[in-house]
Amino acid sequence: MILNNTNKKKLISDYQGNGAMIPIPISKKYTNNELIYVCKFSGLIRAKKNRSYKEIADDWSKYVFDNTFSGTTYTAKVPAVYARQIYVAETLKNNLDIKNKTICDIGAGEGQFLNILKTQYKAKVFGIEPSLKNCKKMSKQKIKNFCGTIEDFKKTKKFRKNYFDVITITWTLVNSYSCYDIVNIAYEMLKPNGIIVIAESSRILTPFKKPLNLYLSKLPVDLHTFHFSFNSLSNLLLINKFKINYVNRYIDSDVLLLIGSKKNITNNNKFSIDNYKEVMSFFKRWHKETEYYY
């Protein structure tokens, strides 16, 4: 398909939750009886409605961030998360000399990823993170940070356009109120030709990498608003005027990793969408496969 003005508006509408959606019936079996939906135009998978960015950030800060890694709590201080952060850092290094580059991590968590970039790759780092206890952890590691959401940061005098060389968003977009707004703000923050790095788990329209009961959870579905495939994540970059420079081999990796550059990409570029009927079929097959283990 061609990314003309009409199709761009339809994509933006889906990312902002205004497009037509249909429920994925089997999803409520694995959640607290809540449904997730698929957008009919783009095939994006998402919660139909979500609370404000402040409410979502507060729930993450109060109830999800913890000292354990489970189906309902999260910490980066486990080998699996550390390993995937090293994977992202090494991939970035292989695509860009990041020594002395200014790097902002949106949704920086406990600062573990930024500490890797600072100590092992000599980057100049900054974190944006809504959790006060996580910001205190970053400060102890001498990592400069802003305590609040990216939406809050944009409203402050600290917000600067065309400032950062690199912005990283790792395992954060799926948990956001508006993935479109976050990538749009990231575009403003980057220098011309600046680099954006987005990493998420590779789960949608790929070989099943875990049973569905270990993917969906009993947490409110808007704490994990979005579920990205390669197409839905790459389209998010395209409609925000990024050029995609690198895509990892996500089909058999646990990670879906895209690197883009700020290029002021205009319309009439080609893009691909996910057929919503194929997405529905994918979840039916995922459920059937899960029944062998659930």
Protein backbone atom coordinates (compact mmCIF):
# COMPACT_ATOMS: atom_id res chain seq x y z
CA MET A 1 0.00 0.00 0.00
CA ILE A 2 1.02 3.62 -0.53
CA LEU A 3 1.35 5.91 2.47
CA ASN A 4 -0.84 8.70 1.12
CA ASN A 5 -2.69 11.19 3.32
CA THR A 6 -5.79 9.01 3.57
CA ASN A 7 -3.93 5.88 4.65
CA LYS A 8 -1.75 7.86 7.04
CA LYS A 9 -4.85 9.25 8.76
CA LYS A 10 -6.29 5.74 9.06
CA LEU A 11 -3.08 4.45 10.62
CA ILE A 12 -2.89 7.33 13.09
CA SER A 13 -6.53 6.74 13.99
CA ASP A 14 -5.76 3.11 14.87
CA TYR A 15 -2.74 4.03 17.01
CA GLN A 16 -4.81 6.65 18.82
CA GLY A 17 -7.67 4.24 19.46
CA ASN A 18 -10.23 5.85 17.16
CA GLY A 19 -10.35 3.31 14.35
CA ALA A 20 -12.80 0.43 13.97
CA MET A 21 -11.84 -2.59 16.10
CA ILE A 22 -13.16 -6.08 16.68
CA PRO A 23 -12.58 -8.16 19.82
CA ILE A 24 -10.32 -11.19 20.03
CA PRO A 25 -12.70 -13.46 21.97
CA ILE A 26 -10.16 -15.95 23.31
CA SER A 27 -8.10 -13.19 24.93
CA LYS A 28 -10.39 -12.83 27.96
CA LYS A 29 -9.64 -16.43 28.95
CA TYR A 30 -6.10 -15.31 29.82
CA THR A 31 -6.84 -11.85 31.23
CA ASN A 32 -9.09 -10.76 34.07
CA ASN A 33 -12.02 -11.35 31.69
CA GLU A 34 -10.98 -8.30 29.62
CA LEU A 35 -10.78 -8.33 25.84
CA ILE A 36 -8.04 -7.14 23.56
CA TYR A 37 -8.94 -5.96 20.07
CA VAL A 38 -7.61 -5.91 16.52
CA CYS A 39 -7.94 -2.81 14.36
CA LYS A 40 -9.73 -3.60 11.10
CA PHE A 41 -7.65 -1.31 8.89
CA SER A 42 -4.09 -1.91 10.09
CA GLY A 43 -4.29 -5.16 12.07
CA LEU A 44 -2.80 -3.43 15.12
CA ILE A 45 -3.61 -5.27 18.35
CA ARG A 46 -4.50 -3.09 21.32
CA ALA A 47 -6.75 -2.43 24.30
CA LYS A 48 -9.91 -0.73 23.09
CA LYS A 49 -9.88 1.94 25.79
CA ASN A 50 -7.12 2.98 28.15
CA ARG A 51 -6.82 5.34 31.06
CA SER A 52 -4.76 8.53 31.06
CA TYR A 53 -1.00 8.35 30.77
CA LYS A 54 -0.70 9.47 34.39
CA GLU A 55 -2.95 6.67 35.68
CA ILE A 56 -1.09 4.03 33.67
CA ALA A 57 2.29 5.34 34.82
CA ASP A 58 1.10 5.43 38.44
CA ASP A 59 -0.06 1.80 38.31
CA TRP A 60 3.28 0.73 36.88
CA SER A 61 5.10 2.64 39.60
CA LYS A 62 2.94 1.43 42.48
CA TYR A 63 2.05 -2.14 41.56
CA VAL A 64 4.23 -3.55 38.78
CA PHE A 65 7.81 -2.44 39.44
CA ASP A 66 9.18 -4.75 42.11
CA ASN A 67 12.20 -6.79 43.10
CA THR A 68 10.80 -9.89 41.40
CA PHE A 69 10.07 -10.83 37.79
CA SER A 70 6.73 -12.64 37.42
CA GLY A 71 3.48 -12.53 35.49
CA THR A 72 2.38 -9.39 37.35
CA THR A 73 5.62 -7.78 38.60
CA TYR A 74 8.76 -6.59 36.81
CA THR A 75 12.41 -5.89 37.43
CA ALA A 76 15.31 -5.68 34.98
CA LYS A 77 17.60 -7.24 37.57
CA VAL A 78 17.33 -10.75 36.13
CA PRO A 79 19.61 -12.49 33.59
CA ALA A 80 16.99 -12.66 30.81
CA VAL A 81 16.33 -8.91 30.84
CA TYR A 82 20.00 -8.03 31.20
CA ALA A 83 20.77 -10.27 28.21
CA ARG A 84 18.22 -8.59 25.97
CA GLN A 85 19.53 -5.16 26.98
CA ILE A 86 23.04 -6.22 25.99
CA TYR A 87 21.59 -7.47 22.69
CA VAL A 88 20.08 -4.02 22.00
CA ALA A 89 23.25 -2.18 23.07
CA GLU A 90 25.51 -4.35 20.91
CA THR A 91 23.18 -4.00 17.92
CA LEU A 92 23.18 -0.22 18.34
CA LYS A 93 26.98 -0.17 18.63
CA ASN A 94 27.28 -2.22 15.43
CA ASN A 95 25.20 0.39 13.60
CA LEU A 96 26.56 3.57 15.17
CA ASP A 97 29.63 4.72 17.08
CA ILE A 98 27.91 5.70 20.33
CA LYS A 99 30.95 6.83 22.30
CA ASN A 100 30.23 10.34 23.65
CA LYS A 101 26.83 10.37 21.95
CA THR A 102 23.92 11.87 23.89
CA ILE A 103 21.38 9.11 24.47
CA CYS A 104 17.95 9.43 26.08
CA ASP A 105 16.07 6.32 27.20
CA ILE A 106 12.30 6.84 27.41
CA GLY A 107 10.92 4.61 30.14
CA ALA A 108 14.34 4.05 31.66
CA GLY A 109 13.20 1.83 34.54
CA GLU A 110 15.93 1.12 37.07
CA GLY A 111 18.59 2.52 34.75
CA GLN A 112 20.26 -0.78 34.03
CA PHE A 113 20.26 -0.28 30.24
CA LEU A 114 21.59 3.27 30.53
CA ASN A 115 24.28 2.10 32.92
CA ILE A 116 25.39 -0.43 30.29
CA LEU A 117 25.58 2.32 27.66
CA LYS A 118 27.46 4.61 30.04
CA THR A 119 30.00 2.20 31.50
CA GLN A 120 30.61 -0.20 28.63
CA TYR A 121 30.09 2.09 25.62
CA LYS A 122 31.01 5.52 27.09
CA ALA A 123 27.80 7.23 26.00
CA LYS A 124 26.37 10.35 27.66
CA VAL A 125 23.05 9.16 29.02
CA PHE A 126 19.78 10.56 30.31
CA GLY A 127 16.67 8.74 31.51
CA ILE A 128 12.98 9.63 31.54
CA GLU A 129 11.08 7.50 34.04
CA PRO A 130 7.81 8.00 35.99
CA SER A 131 8.71 5.80 38.98
CA LEU A 132 10.28 7.78 41.82
CA LYS A 133 12.01 4.72 43.29
CA ASN A 134 13.50 3.90 39.89
CA CYS A 135 14.72 7.48 39.47
CA LYS A 136 16.42 7.26 42.85
CA LYS A 137 18.18 4.09 41.64
CA MET A 138 19.38 5.94 38.55
CA SER A 139 20.63 8.85 40.62
CA LYS A 140 22.67 6.44 42.75
CA GLN A 141 24.30 5.25 39.51
CA LYS A 142 25.02 8.90 38.62
CA ILE A 143 22.61 8.78 35.71
CA LYS A 144 20.87 12.09 35.04
CA ASN A 145 17.13 11.64 34.88
CA PHE A 146 13.70 13.24 34.79
CA CYS A 147 11.06 11.75 37.09
CA GLY A 148 7.82 11.73 35.13
CA THR A 149 6.42 10.59 31.80
CA ILE A 150 7.61 11.76 28.41
CA GLU A 151 4.36 13.74 28.19
CA ASP A 152 5.26 15.48 31.46
CA PHE A 153 8.81 16.10 30.26
CA LYS A 154 7.61 17.87 27.13
CA LYS A 155 5.76 20.43 29.28
CA THR A 156 8.88 21.45 31.20
CA LYS A 157 11.65 23.95 30.46
CA LYS A 158 14.09 21.02 30.34
CA PHE A 159 12.52 19.83 27.09
CA ARG A 160 14.76 20.66 24.15
CA LYS A 161 14.16 20.01 20.46
CA ASN A 162 16.93 18.69 18.20
CA TYR A 163 19.15 17.81 21.16
CA PHE A 164 19.79 14.05 21.43
CA ASP A 165 21.87 11.93 19.08
CA VAL A 166 19.97 8.75 19.98
CA ILE A 167 16.67 7.95 21.65
CA THR A 168 15.99 4.43 22.86
CA ILE A 169 12.53 3.05 23.70
CA THR A 170 12.92 -0.51 24.93
CA TRP A 171 9.96 -2.58 26.10
CA THR A 172 8.08 0.65 26.84
CA LEU A 173 5.83 1.49 23.88
CA VAL A 174 3.58 -1.51 24.49
CA ASN A 175 2.87 -0.20 27.99
CA SER A 176 2.14 3.39 27.01
CA TYR A 177 -1.04 5.42 26.76
CA SER A 178 -0.18 6.58 23.22
CA CYS A 179 2.66 4.97 21.31
CA TYR A 180 2.05 7.50 18.53
CA ASP A 181 2.58 10.47 20.83
CA ILE A 182 5.76 9.01 22.31
CA VAL A 183 7.40 8.42 18.92
CA ASN A 184 6.23 11.86 17.77
CA ILE A 185 7.86 13.52 20.79
CA ALA A 186 11.01 11.45 20.26
CA TYR A 187 11.21 12.85 16.72
CA GLU A 188 11.19 16.39 18.11
CA MET A 189 13.91 15.59 20.65
CA LEU A 190 16.34 14.13 18.11
CA LYS A 191 18.92 16.07 16.14
CA PRO A 192 18.53 16.03 12.34
CA ASN A 193 19.53 12.52 11.20
CA GLY A 194 19.32 11.39 14.84
CA ILE A 195 18.69 7.74 15.60
CA ILE A 196 15.71 6.05 17.24
CA VAL A 197 15.96 2.51 18.60
CA ILE A 198 12.78 0.60 19.44
CA ALA A 199 12.88 -2.87 20.97
CA GLU A 200 9.90 -5.01 21.93
CA SER A 201 9.27 -8.72 22.32
CA SER A 202 8.71 -10.57 19.06
CA ARG A 203 5.38 -12.30 19.56
CA ILE A 204 2.80 -11.34 16.93
CA LEU A 205 2.57 -13.18 13.58
CA THR A 206 5.78 -15.09 14.32
CA PRO A 207 6.33 -18.68 15.48
CA PHE A 208 4.92 -19.09 18.98
CA LYS A 209 7.69 -18.43 21.48
CA LYS A 210 5.69 -18.93 24.68
CA PRO A 211 2.21 -20.17 25.61
CA LEU A 212 -0.51 -17.55 25.60
CA ASN A 213 -1.08 -17.81 29.37
CA LEU A 214 2.52 -16.63 29.88
CA TYR A 215 2.08 -13.75 27.45
CA LEU A 216 -1.22 -12.21 28.50
CA SER A 217 -1.75 -11.56 32.21
CA LYS A 218 -4.35 -10.75 34.85
CA LEU A 219 -3.15 -7.13 35.00
CA PRO A 220 -5.47 -4.50 33.50
CA VAL A 221 -5.07 -4.76 29.74
CA ASP A 222 -4.22 -1.06 29.39
CA LEU A 223 -0.97 -1.65 31.30
CA HIS A 224 0.06 -3.43 28.10
CA THR A 225 -2.04 -1.41 25.66
CA PHE A 226 -0.31 -2.44 22.42
CA HIS A 227 0.89 -5.73 20.93
CA PHE A 228 3.24 -5.08 18.01
CA SER A 229 4.03 -7.08 14.92
CA PHE A 230 6.84 -6.02 12.61
CA ASN A 231 4.36 -4.24 10.33
CA SER A 232 2.57 -2.34 13.09
CA LEU A 233 5.84 -1.21 14.67
CA SER A 234 7.48 -0.19 11.40
CA ASN A 235 4.36 1.72 10.32
CA LEU A 236 4.51 3.65 13.59
CA LEU A 237 7.97 4.88 12.60
CA LEU A 238 6.94 5.70 9.03
CA ILE A 239 3.96 7.85 9.98
CA ASN A 240 6.25 9.78 12.33
CA LYS A 241 8.63 10.56 9.42
CA PHE A 242 11.43 8.16 10.33
CA LYS A 243 13.41 6.18 7.79
CA ILE A 244 13.94 2.55 8.85
CA ASN A 245 17.62 1.67 8.65
CA TYR A 246 17.82 -1.70 10.37
CA VAL A 247 15.53 -4.58 11.32
CA ASN A 248 16.79 -7.58 13.26
CA ARG A 249 15.90 -11.19 12.41
CA TYR A 250 12.84 -11.03 14.63
CA ILE A 251 11.19 -14.11 13.11
CA ASP A 252 13.21 -16.48 15.32
CA SER A 253 14.54 -14.01 17.88
CA ASP A 254 12.83 -13.19 21.17
CA VAL A 255 13.39 -9.51 20.31
CA LEU A 256 11.82 -7.28 17.66
CA LEU A 257 14.33 -4.47 17.10
CA LEU A 258 14.09 -1.54 14.68
CA ILE A 259 16.54 1.32 14.18
CA GLY A 260 15.41 4.42 12.32
CA SER A 261 16.73 7.86 11.50
CA LYS A 262 15.08 11.28 11.58
CA LYS A 263 14.70 12.04 7.89
CA ASN A 264 11.39 13.91 7.54
CA ILE A 265 10.04 11.09 5.39
CA THR A 266 7.03 12.30 3.38
CA ASN A 267 4.04 10.50 1.89
CA ASN A 268 3.93 8.05 -1.03
CA ASN A 269 6.21 5.50 0.61
CA LYS A 270 5.11 1.88 0.55
CA PHE A 271 3.95 0.21 3.74
CA SER A 272 2.39 -3.12 4.69
CA ILE A 273 -0.45 -3.85 7.09
CA ASP A 274 -1.55 -7.00 8.88
CA ASN A 275 -4.82 -8.50 7.71
CA TYR A 276 -7.07 -8.46 10.77
CA LYS A 277 -8.56 -11.84 9.79
CA GLU A 278 -5.08 -13.38 9.81
CA VAL A 279 -4.49 -11.84 13.24
CA MET A 280 -7.70 -13.44 14.53
CA SER A 281 -6.62 -16.78 13.08
CA PHE A 282 -3.19 -16.40 14.67
CA PHE A 283 -4.70 -16.03 18.14
CA LYS A 284 -6.98 -19.03 17.61
CA ARG A 285 -3.96 -21.16 16.68
CA TRP A 286 -1.97 -19.71 19.60
CA HIS A 287 -4.76 -20.69 22.01
CA LYS A 288 -4.96 -24.19 20.56
CA GLU A 289 -1.19 -24.62 20.90
CA THR A 290 -1.30 -23.24 24.45
CA GLU A 291 -3.84 -25.87 25.50
CA TYR A 292 -1.11 -28.48 25.22
CA TYR A 293 0.78 -26.75 28.06
CA TYR A 294 -1.81 -24.71 29.99
